[in-house]
Every structure is written in structure tokens, then in C-alpha cells.
């Protein structure tokens, strides 16, 4: 059993609640908590008080708990609770930034504006000085760094065997509402603009100056309106707590390693690929097993599974979860929750089969492949549910291996519902996936299943340091988006993209009733020398719309094939040979 102490907020402690990780008690025990306080307060001298004066009235929710928090903050008693049985101390910087401190006479305590104002201790206090990130950030930072140094020095001296873990956090402006749509809370946007930079500054200071293990699951953080504590910018989705919890399980497996080695391995574990593979041999089988690491799934990570084998009989097993039960009449069941499988023979790709609603299938390819040669296969997963694992089993006398093609160029596809694949019957007919298998280029996707997706892209680019690309293909579907969303975000996105590549294709396919939108797009993209704009609205013309579209909003399989052919020609003609 691993004994845990916490110093910070519920952000860290809530990873170890049954509501978020049901089996945490099998591995971890929550022993010590220090919440709604700050390092500056903790490292200051105790504040004298009358017990009655800090009691919170019983008409205030959780009044006993809040009173105990105030008492500990004034007594500076956190260290008294630590002992040699504690294995890890997990800390975060949320309250360090949010609250600030109060100076009163010669004493300091936390500006806990949630609890203190309910007490006569606080109400009767005169001539108090409040120092916060908002009012005096540099003075506060100076006080904080001094107290931070004192804290780590004391931990090293008094508790050298306790490993400190810094759990990085962010205030989320985007979240899931009750209908499970991703939405922006403008109030949270204002809060995060003030506090996220200071939280990061605190975290950077600790990471630079002290030997700590770092958990960093800050990419794509979302608040959740259905959180057990209610809506708040650091009450995250359950997926976030699963990610942090999985990191903790990895940490305890590596406890004999040095902290820096653990940090390096965690970064490797959490790489964007999110997939590892291994070969397992049994008496009569060889199994290529892919483990898909949990991720936030805000963006589409529809990486294909590439492998080679000389077997002509294979068994595929897979599991999916988080099936999107929304109304998607234009999406095939295979694209929703199944697999699409292809193989390559004589340099040509052939469809084998598509599967859905079951998780095991044996494929006999004897009629198609009977030459005992090694052939390349691709498996595409679903777009409206998440694969958790997939394995390919063959006879032990045959060979199988994961296949990593040698790529010539790096291309990023960025966009909304068309790039995401909404409208396709299988994921094999999505134009990004056709480009992936038909070209010699590495193609990444950052796409959103959302009508107003430009603000999601803008937020993602601002909060994630994406790599540089040889080419970026950016969908600007002005037809489906609110004008205000486009006006607020498009220019900012284009500015960010020009820092990542010298070659940008901007494209749209817009119904004839909205031709003015195309004029607006051309005017915006014309400002940038890196951008070439292409209007693919011919998909909706009288000759094509009945075979290429499902409605004014959705492009079908044929439309995706047309897009692939257009992009393939443009890439070859204007940028680089395939």
C-alpha cells in the first residue's frame, strides 16, 4: 500500500476518489491533507487566535471542515502530520495563485476568501494587508520563492525519504456542459488569463530548482458541469483523473529509479502517439498486441495500426468504450464503433472487411493471399468511440511485426467535421486516411467534431506547442460556423500556423447559397504569403452534389475521395513529389 500526502487543492486529492478511479484503494491510501493554504503561510510563524473566533456558523455548508482548514492554516501544523510512513507528497500550485496572503501585524496567513470571511476572527481584523497575484504579482512571487525554498529545505532535512510529486495544473476555460458539448465559459477565460501564467511560473521554479517527479496532464484540460463537486474551472472531466492516476501507477512501478529518469519515462509514456505494441508468443500463437494509452480525446488521434505478416489467417480482437450516442445519421456504424481493415499486394491497397458491434473476428485470406510472402496491413479504428486495445493473432509458425513506414514529409491536417470524418461510412474513406496510405508522408490530424470548431483549434494551438510541419492543410468551413467565431479566431490561428510552416493550404467547400463567405475567406488568407486558398465548392454543384454530399452540411464517402484526389494533385504539383 502506497501512503500519500497532499499539499494544494482537490485537483490532486480527487485523483484518489472512488468516483473518479474506483479501485484506487487497492494501491493507495490518503493519509495527510493540506488544502486551501499556501507555502507562504505555512513557512510563517503561527498566528494566535481564539478558538471561538474561527468557528464557522453551522448554516454554512461543510462548516466543520472549513473551520479545521482555518485552524491548520493559522497553526502552521501541516508538518506535524507528516511521518516516515508517507511515501509520496503530491503538491499543486492552484491555491498558491488563487488566494494570495494576508499580512496582519507581524503575522501572515492565507487569503482564503472561501472560509475566513465567515469568521469573527476575520471580520474584527483591522488594518490587514492583502497581497495577491492580481494586486502585486512581483512582490507576491518574491515572497513565494523564499517560502518555497524554505519548504523544500525543511522537507529534505526532516523528511528525506518522502518523494515529492509536482502535479501540474491549469484553470480550464473550456468544459463539458450537461449536454456533453464543449463550450467556453467567458468568466473562466478571464480567470485563467490572470492565474495560469503565474501557476506555470511557480511550477517552473520548482521544476528547475528541486528534484521532483512531475505529472503533467495539462493538455486539453476541461471542466465538467457534471463533476461531483459541481462546475468549477478546476473540476475536471473524469478522463483527466484517469490520466493522472495512470501516471501515479507508472511512478510506483519505477520507484527504484531516480526522479529525472522517472520524468523522462513519463514523458515517453504520455507521448502523442498514445500507443505501444509488443509481440507475445504462446505455444501455438504469435500475438501483436497494441495498448492504447488513455488520453483526453478532445482532438482526433485516429492513427492507423500498421503491421506486416506472412500469415493468411489472422484473428483480430479489440475493445471500444465511450461510444458517442448522439444523432449521427450520416456516419456509418463502422466509423462509429468498428474497424476497417486493408492489405497491400503488388503495391495496391485492397479492402478486406469492416467490422462493428463485436470484438473478435477471424479472417481467412487464403483465397486472396497464398504466396507465404510478407504483406502490409492497415487497421483503422472508429471516430465516435475510443479503442482501448487491439491485438492480432496468427499461427506460431508464421511471422508478424509492427510496421513503421519511412516518411518523407510531415503534414498536419487541421479542421472540423469534414476533416474529422463526419459523413463517412467507414474510416477508410476519410480523405485524411486515404492520404495517409496513398502517400509517403507522415500525416497528423488535429480535428474537432464540432460545428464551431475554430475557437477549439485556436485554444488548442495556444495551449500546446505543436511541432513544425512541411505542410499544413487547414479546413475553413465558413458555411457551418457562426460569423462571430470566425472573426474572433481565424486571423489568430493563421498567425500561429505561419510560425509552424512555410506552406499552408486553406480550403473550404461551401454551398452555393453562401458564396459571400468565400469572398471573406479569400480576403483574410490573402494577407499571408505562406497561404494558398482553394475553393472546393464544386462538390456542391449540380453535377456532384447528389453523389458527393449527404446534405448541405455533410460530405459523404465519394466527396472524401474527391477531396483526396484534389489534395493529392495539389501537393504533388505545388509542394513536393509523392
Foldseek 3Di string as FASTA:
>chain_A
DAEEAEAEACLVVVLQDCVQVVPSVVPYDYQYYQYLWALLLLLWAADDDDLQQLQFDPVDPPRVVLSVNVVCSRHSCRVVRDDQRHAEYEYACPSLAPWFWKDADNHIGTNSVVRRVRGNVNVVGPPIDGDHLVPDVVVSVVSRVVSVVVVVVCCCVPPVNYAYEYEYEAQDQWAQEPVGDIDGDVVSVVVRVRRVVVSVVVVVSCVVPHFHAYDDQHAPWHFYCPQPVGTGRSNTDSLSSVSVSVLVVQCVVVVVDGRVVSNVVVCVCPPPLQKDWDWDDDPWKIKIKIFRHRHPPQFDFFDKFKKKKLFQKKKKFWDWDQQDPDDQPLEAQLQRFWKWKWKADPNDIDTQDIDHDHGMDMGGRCVPHDPSDMIMMIMTGHLRIGIRMMMMMDTPVMDMDTDDAQADFEEEEEEEDLQSPRRENHPCLRLQNCCCSVHRHHYGYGYHHDLLCQVVLLVNLVVDPDAAGAEYEYEDAVQRHDPVSCVVGVLSNVVSNVVRYLAYEYEYAAAPVPVVVVVVVCVSQVVHPRYDYDYPNCCNDPVHVVPQAPDRVGGHSVVSVVVNVVVQVCCVPPPHND
